[in-house]
Each structure stands twice: as structure tokens, then as C-alpha cells.
Amino acid sequence: MAGKKCVEIREDLYEKAKRFIEEQGGFQSVEELVEFLLEEALSAEEASGQGMSKEDEEKVKERLRALGYI
């Protein structure tokens, strides 16, 4: 298993993520949600070979906006 590193985020984003988990479910913690989002964003970029298309990038941005991260 890989080690862990700490990442700081703004308190308001943390609270939004926490509320999202409470309302939507699917994640056990804010950390789990953040790891999932990072994995999704990075794997989408790797899969395309040259980075995300503009369309995919906009979709990710829309999802992050909906979650309150942007």
C-alpha cells in the first residue's frame, strides 16, 4: 500500500465536501472523495494520451463546480 501525504484545502471547500458526502453518500470521508476526484481527473488525462480534450476538460470543470470546488 502506498503511503499518504497531507494536502491542505480551504475550509469552505472542506465543509462543502463534507455536506456533499452527508447528502449524497457514496464516500466515507472527505479524504476519500478528494482521492476519487484526483484519480478521475488524472486518469482521464492519461487515457487520452495527450491530455484531456477541451470537451472532457469542461465536463470535469462542470463536475467540480457542481461539487463546489471551483
N, C-alpha and C. Protein backbone atom coordinates (compact mmCIF):
# COMPACT_ATOMS: atom_id res chain seq x y z
N MET A 1 0.85 -1.19 0.00
CA MET A 1 0.00 0.00 0.00
C MET A 1 0.89 1.24 0.00
N ALA A 2 0.50 2.21 -0.78
CA ALA A 2 1.27 3.45 -0.88
C ALA A 2 1.07 4.30 0.38
N GLY A 3 2.09 5.09 0.68
CA GLY A 3 1.99 6.00 1.82
C GLY A 3 1.03 7.13 1.52
N LYS A 4 0.84 7.97 2.49
CA LYS A 4 -0.08 9.10 2.36
C LYS A 4 0.67 10.39 2.57
N LYS A 5 0.21 11.45 1.94
CA LYS A 5 0.73 12.80 2.10
C LYS A 5 -0.43 13.72 2.46
N CYS A 6 -0.15 14.74 3.23
CA CYS A 6 -1.17 15.72 3.61
C CYS A 6 -1.27 16.81 2.54
N VAL A 7 -2.49 17.22 2.27
CA VAL A 7 -2.77 18.31 1.35
C VAL A 7 -3.75 19.23 2.05
N GLU A 8 -3.48 20.51 2.01
CA GLU A 8 -4.39 21.46 2.65
C GLU A 8 -5.34 22.05 1.61
N ILE A 9 -6.61 22.17 2.01
CA ILE A 9 -7.61 22.83 1.17
C ILE A 9 -8.30 23.89 2.02
N ARG A 10 -8.96 24.80 1.33
CA ARG A 10 -9.68 25.85 2.06
C ARG A 10 -10.78 25.21 2.91
N GLU A 11 -11.02 25.83 4.05
CA GLU A 11 -12.01 25.30 4.98
C GLU A 11 -13.41 25.27 4.36
N ASP A 12 -13.76 26.28 3.57
CA ASP A 12 -15.09 26.29 2.96
C ASP A 12 -15.26 25.13 1.97
N LEU A 13 -14.20 24.75 1.25
CA LEU A 13 -14.29 23.60 0.34
C LEU A 13 -14.43 22.31 1.12
N TYR A 14 -13.71 22.22 2.23
CA TYR A 14 -13.82 21.04 3.07
C TYR A 14 -15.26 20.87 3.56
N GLU A 15 -15.85 21.97 4.03
CA GLU A 15 -17.23 21.92 4.54
C GLU A 15 -18.21 21.56 3.43
N LYS A 16 -18.01 22.08 2.22
CA LYS A 16 -18.87 21.72 1.09
C LYS A 16 -18.75 20.24 0.77
N ALA A 17 -17.53 19.73 0.78
CA ALA A 17 -17.31 18.31 0.51
C ALA A 17 -17.97 17.46 1.59
N LYS A 18 -17.85 17.88 2.82
CA LYS A 18 -18.45 17.15 3.94
C LYS A 18 -19.98 17.11 3.80
N ARG A 19 -20.58 18.27 3.46
CA ARG A 19 -22.03 18.32 3.25
C ARG A 19 -22.44 17.44 2.07
N PHE A 20 -21.64 17.48 1.00
CA PHE A 20 -21.94 16.64 -0.17
C PHE A 20 -22.00 15.18 0.23
N ILE A 21 -21.03 14.73 1.02
CA ILE A 21 -20.98 13.34 1.46
C ILE A 21 -22.19 13.01 2.32
N GLU A 22 -22.55 13.91 3.21
CA GLU A 22 -23.70 13.69 4.09
C GLU A 22 -25.00 13.60 3.29
N GLU A 23 -25.13 14.44 2.26
CA GLU A 23 -26.36 14.48 1.48
C GLU A 23 -26.42 13.41 0.39
N GLN A 24 -25.30 13.15 -0.29
CA GLN A 24 -25.27 12.25 -1.43
C GLN A 24 -24.80 10.84 -1.10
N GLY A 25 -23.98 10.73 -0.06
CA GLY A 25 -23.42 9.43 0.29
C GLY A 25 -22.36 8.98 -0.72
N GLY A 26 -21.98 7.73 -0.61
CA GLY A 26 -21.03 7.15 -1.55
C GLY A 26 -19.58 7.24 -1.12
N PHE A 27 -19.28 8.06 -0.14
CA PHE A 27 -17.91 8.21 0.35
C PHE A 27 -17.94 8.17 1.87
N GLN A 28 -16.87 7.63 2.44
CA GLN A 28 -16.77 7.52 3.89
C GLN A 28 -16.18 8.76 4.52
N SER A 29 -15.42 9.54 3.73
CA SER A 29 -14.74 10.71 4.29
C SER A 29 -14.43 11.71 3.19
N VAL A 30 -14.08 12.92 3.60
CA VAL A 30 -13.67 13.94 2.64
C VAL A 30 -12.40 13.48 1.93
N GLU A 31 -11.50 12.87 2.66
CA GLU A 31 -10.26 12.37 2.07
C GLU A 31 -10.57 11.39 0.93
N GLU A 32 -11.50 10.48 1.14
CA GLU A 32 -11.88 9.51 0.13
C GLU A 32 -12.45 10.20 -1.10
N LEU A 33 -13.28 11.21 -0.91
CA LEU A 33 -13.85 11.97 -2.02
C LEU A 33 -12.76 12.68 -2.82
N VAL A 34 -11.84 13.33 -2.12
CA VAL A 34 -10.76 14.06 -2.79
C VAL A 34 -9.87 13.09 -3.56
N GLU A 35 -9.53 11.96 -2.99
CA GLU A 35 -8.73 10.96 -3.70
C GLU A 35 -9.45 10.49 -4.96
N PHE A 36 -10.74 10.24 -4.85
CA PHE A 36 -11.52 9.80 -6.01
C PHE A 36 -11.50 10.86 -7.12
N LEU A 37 -11.74 12.11 -6.75
CA LEU A 37 -11.75 13.18 -7.75
C LEU A 37 -10.40 13.34 -8.43
N LEU A 38 -9.34 13.27 -7.66
CA LEU A 38 -8.00 13.37 -8.25
C LEU A 38 -7.72 12.20 -9.18
N GLU A 39 -8.06 11.00 -8.75
CA GLU A 39 -7.84 9.83 -9.61
C GLU A 39 -8.63 9.94 -10.91
N GLU A 40 -9.87 10.38 -10.82
CA GLU A 40 -10.69 10.55 -12.02
C GLU A 40 -10.09 11.57 -12.98
N ALA A 41 -9.72 12.71 -12.45
CA ALA A 41 -9.17 13.77 -13.30
C ALA A 41 -7.86 13.34 -13.93
N LEU A 42 -6.99 12.71 -13.16
CA LEU A 42 -5.69 12.32 -13.68
C LEU A 42 -5.77 11.12 -14.61
N SER A 43 -6.64 10.17 -14.34
CA SER A 43 -6.76 9.01 -15.23
C SER A 43 -7.39 9.40 -16.55
N ALA A 44 -8.29 10.35 -16.54
CA ALA A 44 -8.89 10.82 -17.80
C ALA A 44 -7.83 11.47 -18.67
N GLU A 45 -6.92 12.21 -18.07
CA GLU A 45 -5.85 12.85 -18.82
C GLU A 45 -4.88 11.82 -19.37
N GLU A 46 -4.51 10.83 -18.57
CA GLU A 46 -3.59 9.79 -19.01
C GLU A 46 -4.20 8.95 -20.12
N ALA A 47 -5.48 8.66 -20.03
CA ALA A 47 -6.15 7.81 -21.01
C ALA A 47 -6.17 8.44 -22.39
N SER A 48 -6.22 9.73 -22.45
CA SER A 48 -6.30 10.40 -23.75
C SER A 48 -4.95 10.45 -24.44
N GLY A 49 -3.87 10.22 -23.71
CA GLY A 49 -2.55 10.22 -24.31
C GLY A 49 -1.94 11.59 -24.45
N GLN A 50 -2.72 12.58 -24.77
CA GLN A 50 -2.22 13.94 -24.95
C GLN A 50 -2.87 14.91 -23.99
N GLY A 51 -3.44 14.41 -22.96
CA GLY A 51 -4.18 15.28 -22.05
C GLY A 51 -5.65 15.24 -22.41
N MET A 52 -6.42 15.96 -21.68
CA MET A 52 -7.87 15.98 -21.91
C MET A 52 -8.23 16.81 -23.12
N SER A 53 -9.30 16.37 -23.78
CA SER A 53 -9.84 17.21 -24.84
C SER A 53 -10.52 18.40 -24.17
N LYS A 54 -10.75 19.44 -24.93
CA LYS A 54 -11.43 20.62 -24.37
C LYS A 54 -12.80 20.23 -23.82
N GLU A 55 -13.49 19.34 -24.52
CA GLU A 55 -14.82 18.89 -24.08
C GLU A 55 -14.74 18.15 -22.75
N ASP A 56 -13.78 17.22 -22.62
CA ASP A 56 -13.62 16.49 -21.38
C ASP A 56 -13.20 17.41 -20.24
N GLU A 57 -12.32 18.35 -20.55
CA GLU A 57 -11.87 19.30 -19.53
C GLU A 57 -13.06 20.12 -19.02
N GLU A 58 -13.93 20.53 -19.91
CA GLU A 58 -15.11 21.28 -19.50
C GLU A 58 -16.05 20.43 -18.65
N LYS A 59 -16.19 19.16 -18.99
CA LYS A 59 -17.03 18.25 -18.20
C LYS A 59 -16.50 18.12 -16.78
N VAL A 60 -15.18 17.96 -16.65
CA VAL A 60 -14.56 17.85 -15.33
C VAL A 60 -14.77 19.14 -14.55
N LYS A 61 -14.58 20.27 -15.22
CA LYS A 61 -14.78 21.56 -14.56
C LYS A 61 -16.22 21.71 -14.09
N GLU A 62 -17.17 21.29 -14.92
CA GLU A 62 -18.59 21.37 -14.54
C GLU A 62 -18.86 20.51 -13.31
N ARG A 63 -18.28 19.31 -13.28
CA ARG A 63 -18.47 18.42 -12.12
C ARG A 63 -17.87 19.04 -10.86
N LEU A 64 -16.69 19.62 -11.01
CA LEU A 64 -16.04 20.23 -9.85
C LEU A 64 -16.81 21.47 -9.38
N ARG A 65 -17.38 22.23 -10.32
CA ARG A 65 -18.22 23.38 -9.95
C ARG A 65 -19.45 22.90 -9.19
N ALA A 66 -20.08 21.85 -9.68
CA ALA A 66 -21.29 21.31 -9.04
C ALA A 66 -20.99 20.83 -7.62
N LEU A 67 -19.76 20.37 -7.40
CA LEU A 67 -19.38 19.93 -6.06
C LEU A 67 -18.87 21.07 -5.20
N GLY A 68 -18.75 22.26 -5.79
CA GLY A 68 -18.32 23.41 -5.02
C GLY A 68 -16.82 23.60 -4.94
N TYR A 69 -16.07 22.91 -5.78
CA TYR A 69 -14.61 23.03 -5.75
C TYR A 69 -14.10 24.16 -6.62
N ILE A 70 -14.89 24.62 -7.54
CA ILE A 70 -14.49 25.74 -8.40
C ILE A 70 -15.55 26.82 -8.29
